[in-house]
Amino acid sequence: MQQNIPAVLQVMQYIYDNIMYAELNTKSDYCQCCGYDGEIKIVENADGKLIWQCPNCGNTDQDKMNVARRTCGYIGPSIGTRAVPRRSRTGSCTYKMNYAEIKKNDIANGEGVRTSLFVSGCRNRCKNCFNAVTWDFLYGKPFDQAVEDDIIASTRPRWISGLSLLGGEPFEPENQAPLLAFLRRFRTALPGKTVWCYTGFTLEELLGKSGECRACTPHTRELLGLIDILVDGRYVEELADITLAFRGSKNQRVLDLPATLTTGEPVLYLE
């Protein structure tokens, strides 16, 4: 891009005049060990965990590299703190949801200005996912009371339209109970705010209408009832379309969830 600034400006002007939302991307990874400034790769280590690795020198120390990736339409740093399983007083391992990132004043993942929570854990593993690091359920930091308080406080100002849930995958079975408890609290604290949720599952899968699905759990229907807008379906690279609003590929839908659940038929939002 640096070699042809006039062309970049021309593309930006076209975006401004013709497209609701678009962006220009360039690699910004950097290995502090060898100076490599190409793409830092995601590889699987001996324990089966996904880690970052410099393809030039083999460096895997996350404190000695800079990595930026697109997260559901938004670019941000992808290096985070890896959490470990917690143990109860009895010594048994207990699951507690992790989150990868919280974006405040986000305008890319739903209408208006929002707070966006990116949860950790996803088994869908869409081809060329820009947020593959969040597939790992142990990636990021624990989602605890202090984090909930921070999200609610950041969403409280009148200019914030609401909360967006992304991932990772919010509807992985492990994530549903923590998110359900949080959304109950969020709705009580901020009843006038909207909740958007992005999922790789279709609504029919979540409701158990498309055969057996791991994401259809005893928590699912109540969780859906606390969401205003559901963007559903896996990202399919072959169907990608940059002109779509709030979704990446043509198979995905932006659903008015209360209307859809009331009528029993998909009610599209913004169309």
C-alpha atoms as a PDB file:
ATOM      1  CA  MET A   1       0.000   0.000   0.000  1.00  0.00           C
ATOM      2  CA  GLN A   2       2.859   2.384   0.810  1.00  0.00           C
ATOM      3  CA  GLN A   3       4.036   2.192  -2.808  1.00  0.00           C
ATOM      4  CA  ASN A   4       0.736   3.405  -4.288  1.00  0.00           C
ATOM      5  CA  ILE A   5      -0.957   5.930  -1.995  1.00  0.00           C
ATOM      6  CA  PRO A   6      -3.086   7.488  -4.789  1.00  0.00           C
ATOM      7  CA  ALA A   7      -4.658   4.085  -5.479  1.00  0.00           C
ATOM      8  CA  VAL A   8      -5.374   3.590  -1.766  1.00  0.00           C
ATOM      9  CA  LEU A   9      -7.083   6.988  -1.606  1.00  0.00           C
ATOM     10  CA  GLN A  10      -9.146   6.141  -4.687  1.00  0.00           C
ATOM     11  CA  VAL A  11     -10.340   2.890  -3.131  1.00  0.00           C
ATOM     12  CA  MET A  12     -11.190   4.694   0.115  1.00  0.00           C
ATOM     13  CA  GLN A  13     -13.223   7.279  -1.790  1.00  0.00           C
ATOM     14  CA  TYR A  14     -15.142   4.492  -3.562  1.00  0.00           C
ATOM     15  CA  ILE A  15     -15.876   2.855  -0.210  1.00  0.00           C
ATOM     16  CA  TYR A  16     -17.087   6.160   1.200  1.00  0.00           C
ATOM     17  CA  ASP A  17     -19.378   6.809  -1.775  1.00  0.00           C
ATOM     18  CA  ASN A  18     -20.761   3.308  -2.404  1.00  0.00           C
ATOM     19  CA  ILE A  19     -20.378   0.883   0.517  1.00  0.00           C
ATOM     20  CA  MET A  20     -21.896   0.990   3.990  1.00  0.00           C
ATOM     21  CA  TYR A  21     -18.855  -0.590   5.654  1.00  0.00           C
ATOM     22  CA  ALA A  22     -15.541  -1.825   4.288  1.00  0.00           C
ATOM     23  CA  GLU A  23     -11.865  -1.735   5.135  1.00  0.00           C
ATOM     24  CA  LEU A  24      -8.316  -2.027   3.826  1.00  0.00           C
ATOM     25  CA  ASN A  25      -6.056  -4.559   5.521  1.00  0.00           C
ATOM     26  CA  THR A  26      -2.313  -5.019   5.559  1.00  0.00           C
ATOM     27  CA  LYS A  27      -0.183  -7.386   7.608  1.00  0.00           C
ATOM     28  CA  SER A  28       1.178  -5.833  10.792  1.00  0.00           C
ATOM     29  CA  ASP A  29       2.768  -8.834  12.561  1.00  0.00           C
ATOM     30  CA  TYR A  30       6.310  -8.488  13.907  1.00  0.00           C
ATOM     31  CA  CYS A  31       8.736 -10.911  15.570  1.00  0.00           C
ATOM     32  CA  GLN A  32      10.881  -9.121  18.118  1.00  0.00           C
ATOM     33  CA  CYS A  33      13.462 -11.916  18.066  1.00  0.00           C
ATOM     34  CA  CYS A  34      14.444 -11.884  14.386  1.00  0.00           C
ATOM     35  CA  GLY A  35      12.704  -8.808  12.963  1.00  0.00           C
ATOM     36  CA  TYR A  36      10.389 -10.828  10.686  1.00  0.00           C
ATOM     37  CA  ASP A  37       7.425  -8.657   9.608  1.00  0.00           C
ATOM     38  CA  GLY A  38       5.386 -11.162   7.597  1.00  0.00           C
ATOM     39  CA  GLU A  39       2.475 -13.244   8.886  1.00  0.00           C
ATOM     40  CA  ILE A  40       2.944 -14.949  12.253  1.00  0.00           C
ATOM     41  CA  LYS A  41       1.431 -18.439  11.936  1.00  0.00           C
ATOM     42  CA  ILE A  42      -0.934 -20.402  14.179  1.00  0.00           C
ATOM     43  CA  VAL A  43       0.450 -23.892  14.829  1.00  0.00           C
ATOM     44  CA  GLU A  44      -0.405 -26.799  17.105  1.00  0.00           C
ATOM     45  CA  ASN A  45       2.145 -27.625  19.799  1.00  0.00           C
ATOM     46  CA  ALA A  46       2.986 -31.046  21.269  1.00  0.00           C
ATOM     47  CA  ASP A  47       0.068 -30.750  23.707  1.00  0.00           C
ATOM     48  CA  GLY A  48      -2.428 -30.102  20.944  1.00  0.00           C
ATOM     49  CA  LYS A  49      -2.833 -26.399  21.813  1.00  0.00           C
ATOM     50  CA  LEU A  50      -2.933 -23.635  19.183  1.00  0.00           C
ATOM     51  CA  ILE A  51      -0.053 -21.192  19.582  1.00  0.00           C
ATOM     52  CA  TRP A  52       1.582 -18.388  17.579  1.00  0.00           C
ATOM     53  CA  GLN A  53       4.935 -19.169  15.893  1.00  0.00           C
ATOM     54  CA  CYS A  54       7.281 -17.054  13.811  1.00  0.00           C
ATOM     55  CA  PRO A  55       7.864 -18.970  10.535  1.00  0.00           C
ATOM     56  CA  ASN A  56      11.302 -17.390  10.170  1.00  0.00           C
ATOM     57  CA  CYS A  57      13.008 -18.167  13.499  1.00  0.00           C
ATOM     58  CA  GLY A  58      10.497 -20.433  15.264  1.00  0.00           C
ATOM     59  CA  ASN A  59       9.896 -18.015  18.143  1.00  0.00           C
ATOM     60  CA  THR A  60       6.782 -18.958  20.193  1.00  0.00           C
ATOM     61  CA  ASP A  61       7.217 -16.470  23.042  1.00  0.00           C
ATOM     62  CA  GLN A  62       4.089 -14.288  22.889  1.00  0.00           C
ATOM     63  CA  ASP A  63       5.856 -11.576  24.888  1.00  0.00           C
ATOM     64  CA  LYS A  64       8.337 -11.207  22.038  1.00  0.00           C
ATOM     65  CA  MET A  65       5.969 -10.798  19.089  1.00  0.00           C
ATOM     66  CA  ASN A  66       3.201  -8.480  17.923  1.00  0.00           C
ATOM     67  CA  VAL A  67       0.172  -9.987  16.190  1.00  0.00           C
ATOM     68  CA  ALA A  68      -2.998  -8.320  14.905  1.00  0.00           C
ATOM     69  CA  ARG A  69      -5.968 -10.163  13.446  1.00  0.00           C
ATOM     70  CA  ARG A  70      -9.507  -9.395  12.311  1.00  0.00           C
ATOM     71  CA  THR A  71     -12.034 -10.313  15.001  1.00  0.00           C
ATOM     72  CA  CYS A  72     -15.511 -10.702  13.460  1.00  0.00           C
ATOM     73  CA  GLY A  73     -14.971  -7.654  11.270  1.00  0.00           C
ATOM     74  CA  TYR A  74     -12.783  -5.671  13.681  1.00  0.00           C
ATOM     75  CA  ILE A  75      -8.975  -5.601  13.779  1.00  0.00           C
ATOM     76  CA  GLY A  76      -7.243  -5.842  17.111  1.00  0.00           C
ATOM     77  CA  PRO A  77      -4.328  -7.482  18.937  1.00  0.00           C
ATOM     78  CA  SER A  78      -4.648 -11.250  19.105  1.00  0.00           C
ATOM     79  CA  ILE A  79      -2.010 -11.919  21.747  1.00  0.00           C
ATOM     80  CA  GLY A  80      -3.721 -12.474  25.074  1.00  0.00           C
ATOM     81  CA  THR A  81      -3.165 -14.080  28.448  1.00  0.00           C
ATOM     82  CA  ARG A  82      -3.715 -17.825  28.457  1.00  0.00           C
ATOM     83  CA  ALA A  83      -5.853 -18.870  31.380  1.00  0.00           C
ATOM     84  CA  VAL A  84      -5.626 -22.253  33.064  1.00  0.00           C
ATOM     85  CA  PRO A  85      -8.366 -24.474  34.484  1.00  0.00           C
ATOM     86  CA  ARG A  86      -9.349 -23.609  38.041  1.00  0.00           C
ATOM     87  CA  ARG A  87      -9.750 -26.226  40.761  1.00  0.00           C
ATOM     88  CA  SER A  88     -12.428 -26.378  43.385  1.00  0.00           C
ATOM     89  CA  ARG A  89     -11.772 -26.959  47.093  1.00  0.00           C
ATOM     90  CA  THR A  90     -12.292 -30.666  46.521  1.00  0.00           C
ATOM     91  CA  GLY A  91      -9.499 -30.662  43.945  1.00  0.00           C
ATOM     92  CA  SER A  92     -11.752 -31.440  40.968  1.00  0.00           C
ATOM     93  CA  CYS A  93     -11.337 -29.344  37.838  1.00  0.00           C
ATOM     94  CA  THR A  94     -14.233 -26.918  37.248  1.00  0.00           C
ATOM     95  CA  TYR A  95     -15.075 -25.026  34.060  1.00  0.00           C
ATOM     96  CA  LYS A  96     -15.390 -21.254  34.067  1.00  0.00           C
ATOM     97  CA  MET A  97     -15.903 -19.337  30.847  1.00  0.00           C
ATOM     98  CA  ASN A  98     -13.022 -17.284  29.510  1.00  0.00           C
ATOM     99  CA  TYR A  99     -13.236 -14.245  27.284  1.00  0.00           C
ATOM    100  CA  ALA A 100     -10.778 -13.144  24.624  1.00  0.00           C
ATOM    101  CA  GLU A 101     -11.499  -9.433  24.474  1.00  0.00           C
ATOM    102  CA  ILE A 102     -13.918  -6.632  25.338  1.00  0.00           C
ATOM    103  CA  LYS A 103     -14.285  -3.829  22.782  1.00  0.00           C
ATOM    104  CA  LYS A 104     -15.841  -0.630  24.084  1.00  0.00           C
ATOM    105  CA  ASN A 105     -17.330   2.020  21.798  1.00  0.00           C
ATOM    106  CA  ASP A 106     -17.505  -0.600  19.033  1.00  0.00           C
ATOM    107  CA  ILE A 107     -19.326   0.417  15.840  1.00  0.00           C
ATOM    108  CA  ALA A 108     -18.630  -2.708  13.745  1.00  0.00           C
ATOM    109  CA  ASN A 109     -20.660  -5.434  15.439  1.00  0.00           C
ATOM    110  CA  GLY A 110     -24.230  -4.166  15.518  1.00  0.00           C
ATOM    111  CA  GLU A 111     -26.198  -0.955  15.218  1.00  0.00           C
ATOM    112  CA  GLY A 112     -24.996   2.149  17.000  1.00  0.00           C
ATOM    113  CA  VAL A 113     -22.124   2.338  19.459  1.00  0.00           C
ATOM    114  CA  ARG A 114     -21.810  -0.820  21.534  1.00  0.00           C
ATOM    115  CA  THR A 115     -19.766  -2.820  24.007  1.00  0.00           C
ATOM    116  CA  SER A 116     -18.722  -6.128  22.435  1.00  0.00           C
ATOM    117  CA  LEU A 117     -17.764  -9.232  24.407  1.00  0.00           C
ATOM    118  CA  PHE A 118     -15.712 -11.882  22.603  1.00  0.00           C
ATOM    119  CA  VAL A 119     -15.967 -15.194  24.454  1.00  0.00           C
ATOM    120  CA  SER A 120     -13.436 -18.008  24.159  1.00  0.00           C
ATOM    121  CA  GLY A 121     -14.127 -21.456  22.772  1.00  0.00           C
ATOM    122  CA  CYS A 122     -15.399 -22.610  19.363  1.00  0.00           C
ATOM    123  CA  ARG A 123     -15.553 -26.044  17.737  1.00  0.00           C
ATOM    124  CA  ASN A 124     -17.028 -24.841  14.429  1.00  0.00           C
ATOM    125  CA  ARG A 125     -13.609 -23.781  13.133  1.00  0.00           C
ATOM    126  CA  CYS A 126     -14.738 -22.007   9.971  1.00  0.00           C
ATOM    127  CA  LYS A 127     -12.249 -22.020   7.104  1.00  0.00           C
ATOM    128  CA  ASN A 128      -9.933 -19.006   7.264  1.00  0.00           C
ATOM    129  CA  CYS A 129     -11.467 -17.703  10.467  1.00  0.00           C
ATOM    130  CA  PHE A 130      -9.731 -14.438  11.364  1.00  0.00           C
ATOM    131  CA  ASN A 131     -10.150 -15.166  15.073  1.00  0.00           C
ATOM    132  CA  ALA A 132      -8.855 -18.727  15.244  1.00  0.00           C
ATOM    133  CA  VAL A 133      -6.964 -18.088  18.473  1.00  0.00           C
ATOM    134  CA  THR A 134     -10.322 -17.936  20.301  1.00  0.00           C
ATOM    135  CA  TRP A 135     -11.171 -21.522  19.306  1.00  0.00           C
ATOM    136  CA  ASP A 136      -9.299 -22.545  22.463  1.00  0.00           C
ATOM    137  CA  PHE A 137     -11.645 -22.521  25.477  1.00  0.00           C
ATOM    138  CA  LEU A 138      -8.685 -21.676  27.736  1.00  0.00           C
ATOM    139  CA  TYR A 139      -7.624 -18.631  25.752  1.00  0.00           C
ATOM    140  CA  GLY A 140      -7.899 -15.207  27.364  1.00  0.00           C
ATOM    141  CA  LYS A 141      -8.992 -14.287  30.880  1.00  0.00           C
ATOM    142  CA  PRO A 142     -11.661 -15.535  33.308  1.00  0.00           C
ATOM    143  CA  PHE A 143     -15.126 -14.066  32.894  1.00  0.00           C
ATOM    144  CA  ASP A 144     -15.884 -13.082  36.489  1.00  0.00           C
ATOM    145  CA  GLN A 145     -17.960 -10.631  38.512  1.00  0.00           C
ATOM    146  CA  ALA A 146     -15.519  -7.777  37.976  1.00  0.00           C
ATOM    147  CA  VAL A 147     -15.677  -8.265  34.206  1.00  0.00           C
ATOM    148  CA  GLU A 148     -19.483  -8.291  34.301  1.00  0.00           C
ATOM    149  CA  ASP A 149     -19.448  -5.054  36.313  1.00  0.00           C
ATOM    150  CA  ASP A 150     -17.101  -3.434  33.802  1.00  0.00           C
ATOM    151  CA  ILE A 151     -19.275  -4.415  30.820  1.00  0.00           C
ATOM    152  CA  ILE A 152     -22.443  -3.112  32.449  1.00  0.00           C
ATOM    153  CA  ALA A 153     -20.745   0.152  33.423  1.00  0.00           C
ATOM    154  CA  SER A 154     -19.389   0.643  29.898  1.00  0.00           C
ATOM    155  CA  THR A 155     -22.836   0.071  28.373  1.00  0.00           C
ATOM    156  CA  ARG A 156     -24.711   2.359  30.762  1.00  0.00           C
ATOM    157  CA  PRO A 157     -24.075   5.777  29.054  1.00  0.00           C
ATOM    158  CA  ARG A 158     -27.037   6.972  26.988  1.00  0.00           C
ATOM    159  CA  TRP A 159     -25.013   7.031  23.736  1.00  0.00           C
ATOM    160  CA  ILE A 160     -24.242   3.306  23.984  1.00  0.00           C
ATOM    161  CA  SER A 161     -26.902   1.308  22.141  1.00  0.00           C
ATOM    162  CA  GLY A 162     -26.244  -2.018  23.785  1.00  0.00           C
ATOM    163  CA  LEU A 163     -24.193  -5.196  24.075  1.00  0.00           C
ATOM    164  CA  SER A 164     -22.891  -7.532  21.358  1.00  0.00           C
ATOM    165  CA  LEU A 165     -21.832 -11.133  22.016  1.00  0.00           C
ATOM    166  CA  LEU A 166     -19.292 -12.747  19.714  1.00  0.00           C
ATOM    167  CA  GLY A 167     -16.492 -15.257  19.910  1.00  0.00           C
ATOM    168  CA  GLY A 168     -15.356 -17.796  19.784  1.00  0.00           C
ATOM    169  CA  GLU A 169     -18.852 -19.174  19.962  1.00  0.00           C
ATOM    170  CA  PRO A 170     -21.376 -17.889  22.520  1.00  0.00           C
ATOM    171  CA  PHE A 171     -23.594 -20.946  22.019  1.00  0.00           C
ATOM    172  CA  GLU A 172     -21.008 -23.615  22.726  1.00  0.00           C
ATOM    173  CA  PRO A 173     -22.647 -25.651  25.539  1.00  0.00           C
ATOM    174  CA  GLU A 174     -19.973 -24.654  28.059  1.00  0.00           C
ATOM    175  CA  ASN A 175     -20.570 -20.948  27.435  1.00  0.00           C
ATOM    176  CA  GLN A 176     -24.357 -20.908  27.633  1.00  0.00           C
ATOM    177  CA  ALA A 177     -24.836 -21.106  31.406  1.00  0.00           C
ATOM    178  CA  PRO A 178     -22.382 -18.266  32.204  1.00  0.00           C
ATOM    179  CA  LEU A 179     -23.845 -16.075  29.459  1.00  0.00           C
ATOM    180  CA  LEU A 180     -27.406 -16.811  30.550  1.00  0.00           C
ATOM    181  CA  ALA A 181     -26.651 -15.730  34.113  1.00  0.00           C
ATOM    182  CA  PHE A 182     -24.938 -12.593  32.839  1.00  0.00           C
ATOM    183  CA  LEU A 183     -27.726 -11.644  30.407  1.00  0.00           C
ATOM    184  CA  ARG A 184     -30.333 -12.011  33.147  1.00  0.00           C
ATOM    185  CA  ARG A 185     -28.330  -9.511  35.182  1.00  0.00           C
ATOM    186  CA  PHE A 186     -27.673  -7.250  32.185  1.00  0.00           C
ATOM    187  CA  ARG A 187     -31.373  -7.088  31.257  1.00  0.00           C
ATOM    188  CA  THR A 188     -32.318  -6.180  34.817  1.00  0.00           C
ATOM    189  CA  ALA A 189     -29.665  -3.474  35.068  1.00  0.00           C
ATOM    190  CA  LEU A 190     -30.133  -1.994  31.570  1.00  0.00           C
ATOM    191  CA  PRO A 191     -33.600  -2.886  30.240  1.00  0.00           C
ATOM    192  CA  GLY A 192     -33.493  -0.238  27.492  1.00  0.00           C
ATOM    193  CA  LYS A 193     -30.364  -1.576  25.790  1.00  0.00           C
ATOM    194  CA  THR A 194     -30.310  -4.025  22.881  1.00  0.00           C
ATOM    195  CA  VAL A 195     -28.416  -7.328  22.759  1.00  0.00           C
ATOM    196  CA  TRP A 196     -26.905  -8.620  19.506  1.00  0.00           C
ATOM    197  CA  CYS A 197     -25.365 -12.080  19.267  1.00  0.00           C
ATOM    198  CA  TYR A 198     -23.230 -13.665  16.542  1.00  0.00           C
ATOM    199  CA  THR A 199     -23.253 -17.462  16.273  1.00  0.00           C
ATOM    200  CA  GLY A 200     -21.966 -20.056  13.825  1.00  0.00           C
ATOM    201  CA  PHE A 201     -25.066 -22.158  14.446  1.00  0.00           C
ATOM    202  CA  THR A 202     -28.334 -21.535  12.635  1.00  0.00           C
ATOM    203  CA  LEU A 203     -31.397 -20.690  14.694  1.00  0.00           C
ATOM    204  CA  GLU A 204     -32.944 -23.961  13.553  1.00  0.00           C
ATOM    205  CA  GLU A 205     -29.955 -25.853  14.961  1.00  0.00           C
ATOM    206  CA  LEU A 206     -30.168 -23.977  18.251  1.00  0.00           C
ATOM    207  CA  LEU A 207     -33.859 -24.843  18.558  1.00  0.00           C
ATOM    208  CA  GLY A 208     -33.285 -28.518  17.706  1.00  0.00           C
ATOM    209  CA  LYS A 209     -35.241 -28.305  14.455  1.00  0.00           C
ATOM    210  CA  SER A 210     -32.395 -29.482  12.207  1.00  0.00           C
ATOM    211  CA  GLY A 211     -31.548 -32.736  13.919  1.00  0.00           C
ATOM    212  CA  GLU A 212     -29.326 -33.292  16.921  1.00  0.00           C
ATOM    213  CA  CYS A 213     -27.057 -30.340  17.724  1.00  0.00           C
ATOM    214  CA  ARG A 214     -24.650 -29.952  20.633  1.00  0.00           C
ATOM    215  CA  ALA A 215     -25.708 -26.299  21.024  1.00  0.00           C
ATOM    216  CA  CYS A 216     -29.332 -27.182  21.780  1.00  0.00           C
ATOM    217  CA  THR A 217     -29.211 -27.393  25.582  1.00  0.00           C
ATOM    218  CA  PRO A 218     -31.639 -26.766  28.483  1.00  0.00           C
ATOM    219  CA  HIS A 219     -30.309 -23.172  28.574  1.00  0.00           C
ATOM    220  CA  THR A 220     -30.654 -22.350  24.875  1.00  0.00           C
ATOM    221  CA  ARG A 221     -34.258 -21.207  24.586  1.00  0.00           C
ATOM    222  CA  GLU A 222     -34.074 -18.874  27.582  1.00  0.00           C
ATOM    223  CA  LEU A 223     -30.785 -17.466  26.297  1.00  0.00           C
ATOM    224  CA  LEU A 224     -32.376 -16.782  22.906  1.00  0.00           C
ATOM    225  CA  GLY A 225     -35.242 -15.041  24.670  1.00  0.00           C
ATOM    226  CA  LEU A 226     -32.815 -12.462  26.069  1.00  0.00           C
ATOM    227  CA  ILE A 227     -31.355 -11.562  22.647  1.00  0.00           C
ATOM    228  CA  ASP A 228     -32.808  -8.951  20.263  1.00  0.00           C
ATOM    229  CA  ILE A 229     -30.812  -9.589  17.089  1.00  0.00           C
ATOM    230  CA  LEU A 230     -29.206 -12.911  16.140  1.00  0.00           C
ATOM    231  CA  VAL A 231     -26.664 -13.114  13.314  1.00  0.00           C
ATOM    232  CA  ASP A 232     -26.633 -16.841  12.573  1.00  0.00           C
ATOM    233  CA  GLY A 233     -24.738 -19.307  10.411  1.00  0.00           C
ATOM    234  CA  ARG A 234     -21.128 -20.260   9.853  1.00  0.00           C
ATOM    235  CA  TYR A 235     -18.813 -18.030   7.877  1.00  0.00           C
ATOM    236  CA  VAL A 236     -18.446 -19.585   4.408  1.00  0.00           C
ATOM    237  CA  GLU A 237     -15.494 -18.124   2.551  1.00  0.00           C
ATOM    238  CA  GLU A 238     -16.898 -19.064  -0.866  1.00  0.00           C
ATOM    239  CA  LEU A 239     -19.999 -16.963  -0.098  1.00  0.00           C
ATOM    240  CA  ALA A 240     -18.127 -13.967   1.343  1.00  0.00           C
ATOM    241  CA  ASP A 241     -19.515 -10.564   0.336  1.00  0.00           C
ATOM    242  CA  ILE A 242     -18.054  -7.293   1.644  1.00  0.00           C
ATOM    243  CA  THR A 243     -21.239  -5.362   0.820  1.00  0.00           C
ATOM    244  CA  LEU A 244     -23.294  -7.215   3.446  1.00  0.00           C
ATOM    245  CA  ALA A 245     -24.219  -5.325   6.597  1.00  0.00           C
ATOM    246  CA  PHE A 246     -23.113  -6.898   9.897  1.00  0.00           C
ATOM    247  CA  ARG A 247     -22.309 -10.299   8.368  1.00  0.00           C
ATOM    248  CA  GLY A 248     -19.522 -11.837   6.339  1.00  0.00           C
ATOM    249  CA  SER A 249     -21.078 -14.369   3.945  1.00  0.00           C
ATOM    250  CA  LYS A 250     -24.385 -14.627   2.059  1.00  0.00           C
ATOM    251  CA  ASN A 251     -25.625 -17.686   3.962  1.00  0.00           C
ATOM    252  CA  GLN A 252     -25.700 -15.753   7.254  1.00  0.00           C
ATOM    253  CA  ARG A 253     -28.873 -14.008   8.422  1.00  0.00           C
ATOM    254  CA  VAL A 254     -29.563 -10.987  10.613  1.00  0.00           C
ATOM    255  CA  LEU A 255     -32.706 -12.061  12.481  1.00  0.00           C
ATOM    256  CA  ASP A 256     -35.180 -10.046  14.509  1.00  0.00           C
ATOM    257  CA  LEU A 257     -35.236 -12.694  17.204  1.00  0.00           C
ATOM    258  CA  PRO A 258     -38.331 -11.696  19.242  1.00  0.00           C
ATOM    259  CA  ALA A 259     -40.416 -11.478  16.042  1.00  0.00           C
ATOM    260  CA  THR A 260     -38.963 -14.744  14.736  1.00  0.00           C
ATOM    261  CA  LEU A 261     -39.693 -16.638  17.944  1.00  0.00           C
ATOM    262  CA  THR A 262     -43.227 -15.186  18.071  1.00  0.00           C
ATOM    263  CA  THR A 263     -44.185 -16.023  14.475  1.00  0.00           C
ATOM    264  CA  GLY A 264     -42.225 -19.253  14.168  1.00  0.00           C
ATOM    265  CA  GLU A 265     -40.799 -18.011  10.858  1.00  0.00           C
ATOM    266  CA  PRO A 266     -37.487 -16.218  10.169  1.00  0.00           C
ATOM    267  CA  VAL A 267     -37.987 -12.442  10.312  1.00  0.00           C
ATOM    268  CA  LEU A 268     -35.021 -10.685   8.745  1.00  0.00           C
ATOM    269  CA  TYR A 269     -33.728  -7.445  10.230  1.00  0.00           C
ATOM    270  CA  LEU A 270     -32.480  -4.525   8.104  1.00  0.00           C
ATOM    271  CA  GLU A 271     -34.013  -5.989   4.931  1.00  0.00           C
END
